[in-house]
Amino acid sequence: MMREFLKNWSPKVETPDGLRQAGALPYALVDGRMTFLLITSRRSGKWIFPKGAIEPGYTPWDSAANEALEEAGVSGEIEQVPVGSYRASIGNDGTVLVDVDLYPLLVTQQHDSWREDQQRLRHWATLPEARRLLADRSLARLAAQLHARHVDKAR
């Protein structure tokens, strides 16, 4: 039933495994240290990264960048290759599962007001803090992967 509802009301990409969405993993480098921008979920209030439907006519990474702007009020340089994927539940009852590809977004601008600023909190966190705060262990794993990639480049 929820799947039928989403077919009529939410643009998305259907994959052999089900629904696929795109998300952004917003980060910045502060004094040489990588920090991550977390936001709260509107449904649960838990800490997550921005994600949403892949809009018709947009690439997955452009959709991810749009979600970061709408949900977190940030823009920047989005990578075209995801750091990885995770599975999330969506819908009011959380019974619909989607696979989310997470694209790194180097934040270059943070807006004081944005589309969902009255519905979400945002918080910059180092990797250890992000690991503690993120509700989904898969999100923490993906943040750690991006962090490791950055550390490897710096060597």
N, C-alpha and C. Protein backbone atom coordinates (compact mmCIF):
# COMPACT_ATOMS: atom_id res chain seq x y z
N MET A 1 0.82 -1.19 0.00
CA MET A 1 0.00 0.00 0.00
C MET A 1 0.87 1.26 0.00
N MET A 2 1.86 1.32 0.89
CA MET A 2 2.74 2.49 0.94
C MET A 2 3.51 2.64 -0.37
N ARG A 3 3.92 1.52 -0.96
CA ARG A 3 4.65 1.56 -2.23
C ARG A 3 3.79 2.21 -3.32
N GLU A 4 2.49 1.87 -3.37
CA GLU A 4 1.58 2.47 -4.34
C GLU A 4 1.45 3.97 -4.10
N PHE A 5 1.35 4.36 -2.84
CA PHE A 5 1.26 5.78 -2.50
C PHE A 5 2.49 6.52 -3.02
N LEU A 6 3.68 5.96 -2.77
CA LEU A 6 4.91 6.63 -3.19
C LEU A 6 5.03 6.71 -4.71
N LYS A 7 4.51 5.72 -5.42
CA LYS A 7 4.54 5.77 -6.88
C LYS A 7 3.79 6.99 -7.39
N ASN A 8 2.72 7.38 -6.71
CA ASN A 8 1.91 8.50 -7.15
C ASN A 8 2.41 9.85 -6.64
N TRP A 9 3.13 9.88 -5.53
CA TRP A 9 3.46 11.15 -4.89
C TRP A 9 4.94 11.47 -4.78
N SER A 10 5.82 10.56 -5.05
CA SER A 10 7.24 10.82 -4.86
C SER A 10 8.04 10.38 -6.07
N PRO A 11 8.68 11.35 -6.77
CA PRO A 11 9.53 10.93 -7.88
C PRO A 11 10.69 10.09 -7.34
N LYS A 12 11.05 9.03 -8.05
CA LYS A 12 12.12 8.18 -7.59
C LYS A 12 12.63 7.31 -8.72
N VAL A 13 13.66 6.60 -8.43
CA VAL A 13 14.22 5.65 -9.38
C VAL A 13 13.95 4.26 -8.84
N GLU A 14 13.37 3.42 -9.67
CA GLU A 14 13.10 2.03 -9.28
C GLU A 14 14.29 1.19 -9.72
N THR A 15 14.78 0.35 -8.84
CA THR A 15 15.87 -0.55 -9.16
C THR A 15 15.36 -1.98 -9.01
N PRO A 16 16.13 -2.97 -9.47
CA PRO A 16 15.68 -4.35 -9.30
C PRO A 16 15.41 -4.70 -7.83
N ASP A 17 16.15 -4.07 -6.91
CA ASP A 17 15.98 -4.36 -5.49
C ASP A 17 14.88 -3.53 -4.84
N GLY A 18 14.36 -2.54 -5.55
CA GLY A 18 13.35 -1.66 -4.96
C GLY A 18 13.65 -0.21 -5.28
N LEU A 19 13.39 0.66 -4.32
CA LEU A 19 13.57 2.09 -4.53
C LEU A 19 15.01 2.51 -4.25
N ARG A 20 15.48 3.52 -4.98
CA ARG A 20 16.83 4.05 -4.78
C ARG A 20 16.72 5.55 -4.61
N GLN A 21 17.46 6.10 -3.64
CA GLN A 21 17.51 7.53 -3.42
C GLN A 21 18.96 8.00 -3.43
N ALA A 22 19.13 9.31 -3.37
CA ALA A 22 20.47 9.91 -3.32
C ALA A 22 20.57 10.78 -2.09
N GLY A 23 21.73 10.74 -1.47
CA GLY A 23 21.97 11.57 -0.29
C GLY A 23 23.31 12.27 -0.41
N ALA A 24 23.47 13.30 0.40
CA ALA A 24 24.74 14.03 0.45
C ALA A 24 25.41 13.75 1.78
N LEU A 25 26.73 13.67 1.74
CA LEU A 25 27.52 13.57 2.95
C LEU A 25 28.30 14.89 3.03
N PRO A 26 27.68 15.92 3.63
CA PRO A 26 28.31 17.24 3.67
C PRO A 26 29.49 17.27 4.65
N TYR A 27 30.60 17.83 4.17
CA TYR A 27 31.78 17.93 5.02
C TYR A 27 32.52 19.22 4.72
N ALA A 28 33.37 19.60 5.64
CA ALA A 28 34.24 20.76 5.47
C ALA A 28 35.57 20.44 6.12
N LEU A 29 36.60 21.15 5.70
CA LEU A 29 37.92 21.01 6.31
C LEU A 29 38.17 22.25 7.14
N VAL A 30 38.31 22.06 8.44
CA VAL A 30 38.53 23.16 9.38
C VAL A 30 39.87 22.94 10.05
N ASP A 31 40.81 23.84 9.79
CA ASP A 31 42.17 23.70 10.33
C ASP A 31 42.75 22.32 10.01
N GLY A 32 42.50 21.86 8.79
CA GLY A 32 43.02 20.57 8.35
C GLY A 32 42.26 19.36 8.84
N ARG A 33 41.22 19.58 9.64
CA ARG A 33 40.42 18.46 10.16
C ARG A 33 39.08 18.39 9.43
N MET A 34 38.67 17.17 9.11
CA MET A 34 37.40 16.98 8.44
C MET A 34 36.27 17.02 9.46
N THR A 35 35.25 17.82 9.16
CA THR A 35 34.04 17.85 9.99
C THR A 35 32.85 17.53 9.10
N PHE A 36 31.82 16.98 9.70
CA PHE A 36 30.63 16.54 8.96
C PHE A 36 29.41 17.31 9.44
N LEU A 37 28.52 17.64 8.51
CA LEU A 37 27.29 18.33 8.86
C LEU A 37 26.17 17.31 9.00
N LEU A 38 25.64 17.19 10.20
CA LEU A 38 24.52 16.29 10.49
C LEU A 38 23.25 17.12 10.58
N ILE A 39 22.14 16.51 10.23
CA ILE A 39 20.83 17.15 10.39
C ILE A 39 19.91 16.18 11.11
N THR A 40 18.83 16.71 11.66
CA THR A 40 17.86 15.83 12.30
C THR A 40 16.80 15.39 11.29
N SER A 41 16.35 14.17 11.46
CA SER A 41 15.24 13.64 10.67
C SER A 41 13.96 14.33 11.11
N ARG A 42 13.11 14.67 10.15
CA ARG A 42 11.82 15.28 10.52
C ARG A 42 10.93 14.28 11.23
N ARG A 43 11.03 13.01 10.86
CA ARG A 43 10.16 11.98 11.43
C ARG A 43 10.59 11.57 12.83
N SER A 44 11.87 11.29 13.01
CA SER A 44 12.31 10.72 14.29
C SER A 44 13.13 11.67 15.16
N GLY A 45 13.67 12.73 14.55
CA GLY A 45 14.54 13.63 15.29
C GLY A 45 15.96 13.11 15.46
N LYS A 46 16.26 11.94 14.88
CA LYS A 46 17.60 11.36 14.98
C LYS A 46 18.55 12.06 14.00
N TRP A 47 19.84 11.99 14.29
CA TRP A 47 20.85 12.61 13.44
C TRP A 47 21.12 11.75 12.21
N ILE A 48 21.09 12.40 11.03
CA ILE A 48 21.25 11.74 9.74
C ILE A 48 22.02 12.67 8.80
N PHE A 49 22.19 12.25 7.55
CA PHE A 49 22.66 13.10 6.46
C PHE A 49 21.48 13.37 5.52
N PRO A 50 21.50 14.48 4.77
CA PRO A 50 20.40 14.78 3.84
C PRO A 50 20.26 13.69 2.77
N LYS A 51 19.02 13.35 2.45
CA LYS A 51 18.74 12.37 1.40
C LYS A 51 17.35 12.59 0.86
N GLY A 52 17.09 12.04 -0.32
CA GLY A 52 15.75 12.13 -0.87
C GLY A 52 15.67 11.49 -2.24
N ALA A 53 14.52 11.67 -2.86
CA ALA A 53 14.25 11.08 -4.17
C ALA A 53 15.18 11.64 -5.23
N ILE A 54 15.48 10.82 -6.21
CA ILE A 54 16.22 11.28 -7.39
C ILE A 54 15.18 11.89 -8.32
N GLU A 55 15.28 13.19 -8.48
CA GLU A 55 14.28 13.92 -9.25
C GLU A 55 14.41 13.64 -10.74
N PRO A 56 13.29 13.53 -11.46
CA PRO A 56 13.34 13.31 -12.91
C PRO A 56 14.15 14.42 -13.59
N GLY A 57 15.02 14.02 -14.50
CA GLY A 57 15.83 14.98 -15.23
C GLY A 57 17.11 15.40 -14.52
N TYR A 58 17.31 14.91 -13.30
CA TYR A 58 18.52 15.23 -12.54
C TYR A 58 19.38 13.99 -12.39
N THR A 59 20.68 14.20 -12.31
CA THR A 59 21.57 13.09 -11.98
C THR A 59 21.41 12.78 -10.49
N PRO A 60 21.80 11.60 -10.07
CA PRO A 60 21.71 11.31 -8.63
C PRO A 60 22.52 12.29 -7.78
N TRP A 61 23.71 12.68 -8.24
CA TRP A 61 24.53 13.61 -7.44
C TRP A 61 23.93 15.01 -7.41
N ASP A 62 23.29 15.45 -8.49
CA ASP A 62 22.61 16.75 -8.45
C ASP A 62 21.41 16.70 -7.51
N SER A 63 20.69 15.58 -7.51
CA SER A 63 19.58 15.42 -6.55
C SER A 63 20.11 15.46 -5.12
N ALA A 64 21.26 14.82 -4.88
CA ALA A 64 21.86 14.83 -3.54
C ALA A 64 22.23 16.25 -3.13
N ALA A 65 22.80 17.02 -4.05
CA ALA A 65 23.16 18.41 -3.75
C ALA A 65 21.91 19.23 -3.45
N ASN A 66 20.83 18.99 -4.20
CA ASN A 66 19.56 19.70 -3.94
C ASN A 66 19.02 19.36 -2.56
N GLU A 67 19.11 18.10 -2.16
CA GLU A 67 18.65 17.69 -0.83
C GLU A 67 19.46 18.39 0.26
N ALA A 68 20.77 18.51 0.05
CA ALA A 68 21.61 19.20 1.04
C ALA A 68 21.20 20.66 1.18
N LEU A 69 20.86 21.30 0.07
CA LEU A 69 20.43 22.70 0.12
C LEU A 69 19.07 22.81 0.82
N GLU A 70 18.12 21.96 0.45
CA GLU A 70 16.78 22.02 1.03
C GLU A 70 16.75 21.63 2.51
N GLU A 71 17.45 20.56 2.86
CA GLU A 71 17.35 20.00 4.21
C GLU A 71 18.37 20.57 5.19
N ALA A 72 19.56 20.96 4.68
CA ALA A 72 20.64 21.42 5.58
C ALA A 72 21.06 22.85 5.32
N GLY A 73 20.62 23.44 4.22
CA GLY A 73 20.97 24.82 3.93
C GLY A 73 22.42 25.02 3.55
N VAL A 74 23.00 24.02 2.87
CA VAL A 74 24.39 24.14 2.44
C VAL A 74 24.52 23.82 0.96
N SER A 75 25.54 24.40 0.35
CA SER A 75 25.86 24.09 -1.04
C SER A 75 27.37 23.99 -1.16
N GLY A 76 27.82 23.42 -2.27
CA GLY A 76 29.25 23.25 -2.44
C GLY A 76 29.57 22.38 -3.63
N GLU A 77 30.68 21.69 -3.55
CA GLU A 77 31.18 20.85 -4.64
C GLU A 77 30.80 19.39 -4.36
N ILE A 78 29.89 18.88 -5.20
CA ILE A 78 29.41 17.51 -5.02
C ILE A 78 30.24 16.57 -5.89
N GLU A 79 30.62 15.43 -5.35
CA GLU A 79 31.33 14.43 -6.14
C GLU A 79 30.32 13.60 -6.93
N GLN A 80 30.75 13.09 -8.08
CA GLN A 80 29.85 12.31 -8.93
C GLN A 80 29.90 10.82 -8.65
N VAL A 81 30.75 10.43 -7.72
CA VAL A 81 30.86 9.02 -7.34
C VAL A 81 30.50 8.91 -5.86
N PRO A 82 29.55 8.06 -5.50
CA PRO A 82 29.17 7.94 -4.09
C PRO A 82 30.28 7.31 -3.26
N VAL A 83 30.34 7.70 -1.99
CA VAL A 83 31.30 7.08 -1.07
C VAL A 83 30.82 5.67 -0.73
N GLY A 84 29.53 5.41 -0.89
CA GLY A 84 28.94 4.11 -0.62
C GLY A 84 27.44 4.21 -0.54
N SER A 85 26.81 3.15 -0.11
CA SER A 85 25.35 3.08 -0.03
C SER A 85 24.92 2.52 1.32
N TYR A 86 23.69 2.82 1.68
CA TYR A 86 23.10 2.25 2.89
C TYR A 86 21.60 2.07 2.65
N ARG A 87 20.97 1.31 3.50
CA ARG A 87 19.53 1.06 3.39
C ARG A 87 18.82 1.83 4.48
N ALA A 88 17.73 2.51 4.09
CA ALA A 88 16.96 3.33 5.04
C ALA A 88 15.49 3.02 4.89
N SER A 89 14.73 3.29 5.94
CA SER A 89 13.28 3.16 5.87
C SER A 89 12.69 4.54 5.69
N ILE A 90 11.62 4.61 4.91
CA ILE A 90 10.94 5.87 4.67
C ILE A 90 9.45 5.69 4.90
N GLY A 91 8.72 6.79 4.83
CA GLY A 91 7.28 6.74 5.05
C GLY A 91 6.96 6.94 6.51
N ASN A 92 5.73 7.29 6.78
CA ASN A 92 5.32 7.57 8.15
C ASN A 92 5.48 6.38 9.08
N ASP A 93 5.27 5.18 8.56
CA ASP A 93 5.40 4.00 9.42
C ASP A 93 6.75 3.30 9.26
N GLY A 94 7.60 3.82 8.35
CA GLY A 94 8.94 3.27 8.19
C GLY A 94 9.00 1.88 7.60
N THR A 95 7.95 1.46 6.89
CA THR A 95 7.92 0.10 6.36
C THR A 95 8.48 -0.02 4.95
N VAL A 96 8.73 1.09 4.28
CA VAL A 96 9.29 1.05 2.93
C VAL A 96 10.80 1.21 3.03
N LEU A 97 11.54 0.29 2.42
CA LEU A 97 12.99 0.36 2.44
C LEU A 97 13.51 0.93 1.13
N VAL A 98 14.53 1.78 1.23
CA VAL A 98 15.18 2.34 0.05
C VAL A 98 16.69 2.17 0.20
N ASP A 99 17.35 2.03 -0.93
CA ASP A 99 18.81 2.05 -0.95
C ASP A 99 19.24 3.46 -1.29
N VAL A 100 20.15 4.02 -0.51
CA VAL A 100 20.58 5.41 -0.67
C VAL A 100 22.06 5.44 -1.02
N ASP A 101 22.38 6.05 -2.16
CA ASP A 101 23.77 6.31 -2.52
C ASP A 101 24.16 7.65 -1.92
N LEU A 102 25.28 7.69 -1.20
CA LEU A 102 25.69 8.89 -0.47
C LEU A 102 26.89 9.54 -1.18
N TYR A 103 26.68 10.78 -1.66
CA TYR A 103 27.69 11.52 -2.42
C TYR A 103 28.38 12.56 -1.54
N PRO A 104 29.72 12.54 -1.48
CA PRO A 104 30.43 13.55 -0.70
C PRO A 104 30.17 14.96 -1.25
N LEU A 105 29.93 15.90 -0.34
CA LEU A 105 29.68 17.30 -0.70
C LEU A 105 30.62 18.18 0.13
N LEU A 106 31.62 18.77 -0.54
CA LEU A 106 32.51 19.72 0.14
C LEU A 106 31.75 21.03 0.26
N VAL A 107 31.39 21.40 1.47
CA VAL A 107 30.55 22.58 1.71
C VAL A 107 31.39 23.85 1.50
N THR A 108 30.88 24.73 0.64
CA THR A 108 31.53 26.02 0.41
C THR A 108 30.66 27.18 0.86
N GLN A 109 29.38 26.90 1.09
CA GLN A 109 28.47 27.95 1.55
C GLN A 109 27.43 27.37 2.50
N GLN A 110 27.24 28.05 3.64
CA GLN A 110 26.21 27.67 4.60
C GLN A 110 25.25 28.84 4.71
N HIS A 111 23.98 28.58 4.42
CA HIS A 111 22.96 29.63 4.41
C HIS A 111 22.35 29.81 5.80
N ASP A 112 22.01 31.05 6.13
CA ASP A 112 21.38 31.33 7.42
C ASP A 112 19.92 30.88 7.46
N SER A 113 19.26 30.90 6.32
CA SER A 113 17.89 30.39 6.24
C SER A 113 17.81 29.49 5.00
N TRP A 114 16.96 28.48 5.10
CA TRP A 114 16.79 27.52 4.01
C TRP A 114 15.41 26.91 4.12
N ARG A 115 15.07 26.13 3.12
CA ARG A 115 13.70 25.62 2.97
C ARG A 115 13.17 24.92 4.22
N GLU A 116 13.96 24.07 4.86
CA GLU A 116 13.48 23.28 6.00
C GLU A 116 14.09 23.73 7.33
N ASP A 117 14.48 25.00 7.43
CA ASP A 117 15.16 25.45 8.65
C ASP A 117 14.26 25.43 9.89
N GLN A 118 12.96 25.43 9.72
CA GLN A 118 12.05 25.36 10.86
C GLN A 118 11.72 23.92 11.26
N GLN A 119 12.18 22.96 10.44
CA GLN A 119 11.83 21.56 10.67
C GLN A 119 13.01 20.70 11.11
N ARG A 120 14.23 21.23 11.00
CA ARG A 120 15.42 20.43 11.29
C ARG A 120 16.45 21.24 12.05
N LEU A 121 17.27 20.52 12.78
CA LEU A 121 18.47 21.10 13.39
C LEU A 121 19.66 20.67 12.55
N ARG A 122 20.74 21.43 12.59
CA ARG A 122 21.97 21.00 11.94
C ARG A 122 23.12 21.18 12.92
N HIS A 123 24.13 20.34 12.75
CA HIS A 123 25.25 20.33 13.71
C HIS A 123 26.51 19.85 13.01
N TRP A 124 27.60 20.62 13.14
CA TRP A 124 28.90 20.21 12.62
C TRP A 124 29.58 19.33 13.66
N ALA A 125 30.15 18.21 13.21
CA ALA A 125 30.77 17.26 14.14
C ALA A 125 32.05 16.68 13.55
N THR A 126 33.01 16.43 14.42
CA THR A 126 34.19 15.68 14.02
C THR A 126 33.78 14.22 13.86
N LEU A 127 34.67 13.40 13.30
CA LEU A 127 34.32 12.00 13.10
C LEU A 127 33.96 11.28 14.40
N PRO A 128 34.73 11.43 15.48
CA PRO A 128 34.34 10.72 16.71
C PRO A 128 32.94 11.13 17.20
N GLU A 129 32.64 12.43 17.13
CA GLU A 129 31.32 12.88 17.58
C GLU A 129 30.24 12.40 16.63
N ALA A 130 30.50 12.45 15.32
CA ALA A 130 29.52 11.97 14.34
C ALA A 130 29.20 10.50 14.57
N ARG A 131 30.23 9.72 14.87
CA ARG A 131 30.01 8.28 15.15
C ARG A 131 29.07 8.08 16.33
N ARG A 132 29.19 8.94 17.33
CA ARG A 132 28.32 8.83 18.51
C ARG A 132 26.89 9.29 18.21
N LEU A 133 26.77 10.34 17.40
CA LEU A 133 25.46 10.96 17.19
C LEU A 133 24.62 10.29 16.11
N LEU A 134 25.25 9.81 15.05
CA LEU A 134 24.48 9.27 13.93
C LEU A 134 23.66 8.06 14.37
N ALA A 135 22.39 8.10 14.02
CA ALA A 135 21.45 7.05 14.43
C ALA A 135 21.74 5.72 13.74
N ASP A 136 22.21 5.77 12.51
CA ASP A 136 22.42 4.58 11.70
C ASP A 136 23.92 4.30 11.64
N ARG A 137 24.33 3.11 12.05
CA ARG A 137 25.76 2.74 12.02
C ARG A 137 26.32 2.78 10.61
N SER A 138 25.47 2.53 9.60
CA SER A 138 25.93 2.60 8.22
C SER A 138 26.37 4.01 7.85
N LEU A 139 25.67 5.01 8.38
CA LEU A 139 26.06 6.40 8.11
C LEU A 139 27.41 6.70 8.75
N ALA A 140 27.63 6.20 9.96
CA ALA A 140 28.91 6.40 10.63
C ALA A 140 30.03 5.72 9.85
N ARG A 141 29.75 4.53 9.32
CA ARG A 141 30.74 3.80 8.53
C ARG A 141 31.11 4.58 7.27
N LEU A 142 30.12 5.17 6.60
CA LEU A 142 30.38 5.93 5.38
C LEU A 142 31.15 7.21 5.68
N ALA A 143 30.84 7.86 6.79
CA ALA A 143 31.60 9.05 7.19
C ALA A 143 33.06 8.66 7.45
N ALA A 144 33.26 7.53 8.11
CA ALA A 144 34.62 7.06 8.39
C ALA A 144 35.37 6.73 7.10
N GLN A 145 34.68 6.17 6.11
CA GLN A 145 35.31 5.87 4.83
C GLN A 145 35.76 7.16 4.14
N LEU A 146 34.90 8.18 4.14
CA LEU A 146 35.28 9.45 3.52
C LEU A 146 36.45 10.07 4.28
N HIS A 147 36.41 10.01 5.59
CA HIS A 147 37.49 10.55 6.42
C HIS A 147 38.80 9.84 6.09
N ALA A 148 38.78 8.52 5.99
CA ALA A 148 39.98 7.74 5.68
C ALA A 148 40.53 8.11 4.31
N ARG A 149 39.64 8.34 3.36
CA ARG A 149 40.06 8.74 2.01
C ARG A 149 40.80 10.07 2.06
N HIS A 150 40.29 11.00 2.87
CA HIS A 150 40.91 12.32 3.01
C HIS A 150 42.28 12.19 3.68
N VAL A 151 42.37 11.37 4.72
CA VAL A 151 43.63 11.18 5.43
C VAL A 151 44.66 10.56 4.50
N ASP A 152 44.23 9.58 3.68
CA ASP A 152 45.14 8.94 2.73
C ASP A 152 45.66 9.94 1.70
N LYS A 153 44.81 10.86 1.24
CA LYS A 153 45.23 11.88 0.27
C LYS A 153 46.25 12.83 0.88
N ALA A 154 46.09 13.12 2.17
CA ALA A 154 46.96 14.08 2.85
C ALA A 154 48.36 13.50 3.09
N ARG A 155 48.50 12.20 3.04
CA ARG A 155 49.80 11.56 3.30
C ARG A 155 50.72 11.68 2.13
